[in-house]
């Protein structure tokens, strides 16, 4: 399984542009952490791209349906499948890959939401202080589970503020300017 195949599967199984954007954002944060630790960037990227590919069509069976599909139809490494299963709160996360996916999943949504409320919608101009303020306000992007973000940072062994800054930096590095609507 390489990035091109993962991207094709994601697009094939995910009609929603917003969910695709989420998986691309998770891929970005996963790549950043892979580089940070000197890990396999492609492996981390594939994991980020595929973690929710089944969610839209099989929400009740997610992520079990997706992992079963990947086992039956692809050569996805077991460590990726294990990480995908581990991105739900109650699942075990024995590898750094699994812990990273869990840690960045919810947080990328918060970063995206914080950028979208800016008048220019430009993620590149989002300041860390603003992200931190949005994180503390549970009414903002209420669907983002802050407890899971905090748990993910703990499991990674990364200070929460450092983790927020890392994911923001990762997403800003690849962000393109957005036209204000």
Protein backbone atom coordinates (compact mmCIF):
# COMPACT_ATOMS: atom_id res chain seq x y z
CA UNK A 1 0.00 0.00 0.00
CA UNK A 2 1.44 3.32 -1.02
CA UNK A 3 0.14 6.87 -0.74
CA UNK A 4 -1.33 6.89 -4.27
CA UNK A 5 -3.33 3.72 -3.63
CA UNK A 6 -4.48 5.00 -0.23
CA UNK A 7 -5.60 8.28 -1.79
CA UNK A 8 -7.51 6.41 -4.52
CA UNK A 9 -9.30 4.26 -1.91
CA UNK A 10 -10.11 7.30 0.21
CA UNK A 11 -11.67 9.10 -2.76
CA UNK A 12 -13.50 5.99 -3.96
CA UNK A 13 -15.16 5.38 -0.57
CA UNK A 14 -15.59 8.98 0.65
CA UNK A 15 -17.89 11.27 -1.36
CA UNK A 16 -17.80 14.10 1.20
CA UNK A 17 -15.25 16.82 0.49
CA UNK A 18 -15.14 17.80 4.17
CA UNK A 19 -14.31 14.26 5.29
CA UNK A 20 -11.67 13.99 2.55
CA UNK A 21 -10.18 17.29 3.75
CA UNK A 22 -10.14 15.91 7.29
CA UNK A 23 -8.22 12.81 6.19
CA UNK A 24 -5.76 14.95 4.22
CA UNK A 25 -5.24 17.12 7.31
CA UNK A 26 -4.63 14.03 9.43
CA UNK A 27 -2.17 12.80 6.79
CA UNK A 28 -0.34 16.12 7.05
CA UNK A 29 -0.06 15.94 10.84
CA UNK A 30 0.99 12.28 10.66
CA UNK A 31 3.74 13.12 8.16
CA UNK A 32 4.98 15.93 10.41
CA UNK A 33 5.29 13.60 13.39
CA UNK A 34 6.95 10.89 11.26
CA UNK A 35 9.62 13.41 10.19
CA UNK A 36 9.92 14.68 13.76
CA UNK A 37 10.71 11.18 15.04
CA UNK A 38 12.61 9.91 12.01
CA UNK A 39 9.88 7.36 11.25
CA UNK A 40 8.54 6.10 7.91
CA UNK A 41 6.67 9.09 6.47
CA UNK A 42 4.82 7.05 3.83
CA UNK A 43 3.52 4.62 6.47
CA UNK A 44 2.26 7.48 8.63
CA UNK A 45 0.71 9.21 5.58
CA UNK A 46 -1.16 6.08 4.46
CA UNK A 47 -2.49 5.63 7.99
CA UNK A 48 -3.80 9.20 8.08
CA UNK A 49 -5.43 8.92 4.67
CA UNK A 50 -7.20 5.64 5.40
CA UNK A 51 -8.28 6.03 9.02
CA UNK A 52 -11.83 7.24 8.20
CA UNK A 53 -12.24 6.06 4.59
CA UNK A 54 -15.16 3.78 5.61
CA UNK A 55 -16.89 6.22 7.95
CA UNK A 56 -19.39 7.75 5.53
CA UNK A 57 -20.67 4.51 4.07
CA UNK A 58 -20.38 2.31 7.18
CA UNK A 59 -20.61 4.58 10.25
CA UNK A 60 -22.03 1.88 12.54
CA UNK A 61 -19.21 -0.54 11.72
CA UNK A 62 -16.36 2.02 11.54
CA UNK A 63 -13.42 1.32 11.75
CA UNK A 64 -13.90 -2.47 11.81
CA UNK A 65 -15.50 -2.54 8.35
CA UNK A 66 -12.61 -0.56 6.86
CA UNK A 67 -9.93 -2.74 8.41
CA UNK A 68 -11.70 -5.88 7.22
CA UNK A 69 -11.94 -4.40 3.69
CA UNK A 70 -8.26 -3.43 3.70
CA UNK A 71 -7.24 -6.92 4.88
CA UNK A 72 -9.29 -8.60 2.15
CA UNK A 73 -8.49 -6.27 -0.77
CA UNK A 74 -5.09 -4.66 -0.18
CA UNK A 75 -1.63 -5.34 1.16
CA UNK A 76 -1.94 -2.75 3.92
CA UNK A 77 0.62 -3.47 6.67
CA UNK A 78 -0.78 -4.86 9.91
CA UNK A 79 0.71 -1.96 11.88
CA UNK A 80 -1.46 0.45 9.85
CA UNK A 81 -4.57 -1.66 10.42
CA UNK A 82 -3.81 -1.79 14.13
CA UNK A 83 -3.46 2.00 14.22
CA UNK A 84 -6.76 2.49 12.38
CA UNK A 85 -8.52 0.23 14.90
CA UNK A 86 -6.79 2.17 17.69
CA UNK A 87 -8.02 5.61 16.70
CA UNK A 88 -11.25 5.10 18.65
CA UNK A 89 -10.97 6.09 22.30
CA UNK A 90 -11.57 2.68 23.88
CA UNK A 91 -9.10 0.74 21.72
CA UNK A 92 -5.55 -0.22 22.67
CA UNK A 93 -2.73 1.71 20.99
CA UNK A 94 0.47 -0.31 21.38
CA UNK A 95 2.54 1.51 18.73
CA UNK A 96 3.70 5.07 18.28
CA UNK A 97 1.89 5.06 14.91
CA UNK A 98 -1.42 4.22 16.62
CA UNK A 99 -0.83 6.78 19.37
CA UNK A 100 -0.02 9.46 16.82
CA UNK A 101 -3.18 8.83 14.81
CA UNK A 102 -5.31 9.02 17.94
CA UNK A 103 -3.52 12.19 19.08
CA UNK A 104 -3.88 14.14 15.84
CA UNK A 105 -7.32 12.97 14.65
CA UNK A 106 -9.57 15.27 16.69
CA UNK A 107 -7.05 18.09 16.88
CA UNK A 108 -6.85 18.61 13.11
CA UNK A 109 -10.59 19.34 13.13
CA UNK A 110 -10.14 22.03 15.74
CA UNK A 111 -7.29 23.64 13.80
CA UNK A 112 -9.38 23.63 10.62
CA UNK A 113 -12.39 25.13 12.41
CA UNK A 114 -10.23 27.84 14.00
CA UNK A 115 -8.94 28.82 10.56
CA UNK A 116 -12.40 28.89 9.02
CA UNK A 117 -13.69 31.51 11.45
CA UNK A 118 -10.93 33.92 10.48
CA UNK A 119 -12.20 36.63 8.09
CA UNK A 120 -9.59 35.54 5.50
CA UNK A 121 -9.97 31.82 6.35
CA UNK A 122 -6.18 31.62 6.00
CA UNK A 123 -4.76 28.83 8.13
CA UNK A 124 -1.28 30.19 7.55
CA UNK A 125 -2.19 33.28 9.57
CA UNK A 126 -3.80 31.44 12.49
CA UNK A 127 -1.82 32.24 15.62
CA UNK A 128 -1.06 29.71 18.31
CA UNK A 129 -2.63 31.93 20.98
CA UNK A 130 -5.91 31.89 19.06
CA UNK A 131 -5.82 28.10 18.68
CA UNK A 132 -5.12 27.71 22.40
CA UNK A 133 -8.05 29.99 23.23
CA UNK A 134 -10.35 27.99 20.91
CA UNK A 135 -9.16 24.73 22.48
CA UNK A 136 -10.11 25.99 25.95
CA UNK A 137 -13.57 27.10 24.79
CA UNK A 138 -15.56 23.87 24.70
CA UNK A 139 -18.43 25.70 23.01
CA UNK A 140 -16.23 26.33 19.97
CA UNK A 141 -16.17 23.34 17.59
CA UNK A 142 -18.07 21.43 20.25
CA UNK A 143 -17.79 18.18 18.29
CA UNK A 144 -14.04 18.09 18.90
CA UNK A 145 -13.40 15.90 21.90
CA UNK A 146 -10.86 17.85 23.98
CA UNK A 147 -10.48 14.97 26.43
CA UNK A 148 -9.28 12.76 23.57
CA UNK A 149 -6.86 15.43 22.39
CA UNK A 150 -5.43 15.67 25.92
CA UNK A 151 -5.32 11.88 26.25
CA UNK A 152 -3.59 11.61 22.87
CA UNK A 153 -0.89 14.10 23.86
CA UNK A 154 -0.32 12.19 27.13
CA UNK A 155 -0.07 8.86 25.30
CA UNK A 156 2.46 10.39 22.90
CA UNK A 157 4.43 11.79 25.81
CA UNK A 158 4.15 15.31 24.37
CA UNK A 159 3.13 18.38 26.35
CA UNK A 160 -0.38 19.46 25.32
CA UNK A 161 0.65 22.97 24.23
CA UNK A 162 3.59 21.54 22.29
CA UNK A 163 1.22 19.08 20.60
CA UNK A 164 -1.20 21.88 19.65
CA UNK A 165 1.72 23.87 18.22
CA UNK A 166 3.09 20.84 16.32
CA UNK A 167 -0.21 20.09 14.59
CA UNK A 168 -0.80 23.77 13.80
CA UNK A 169 2.72 24.05 12.35
CA UNK A 170 2.24 20.87 10.30
CA UNK A 171 -0.99 22.11 8.77
CA UNK A 172 0.39 25.61 8.16
CA UNK A 173 3.40 24.21 6.29
CA UNK A 174 1.14 22.83 3.54
CA UNK A 175 -1.73 25.33 3.70
CA UNK A 176 -2.65 27.39 0.70
CA UNK A 177 -4.28 30.81 0.91
CA UNK A 178 -8.07 30.63 1.08
CA UNK A 179 -10.38 33.01 -0.68
CA UNK A 180 -12.72 34.68 1.80
CA UNK A 181 -16.36 33.84 1.13
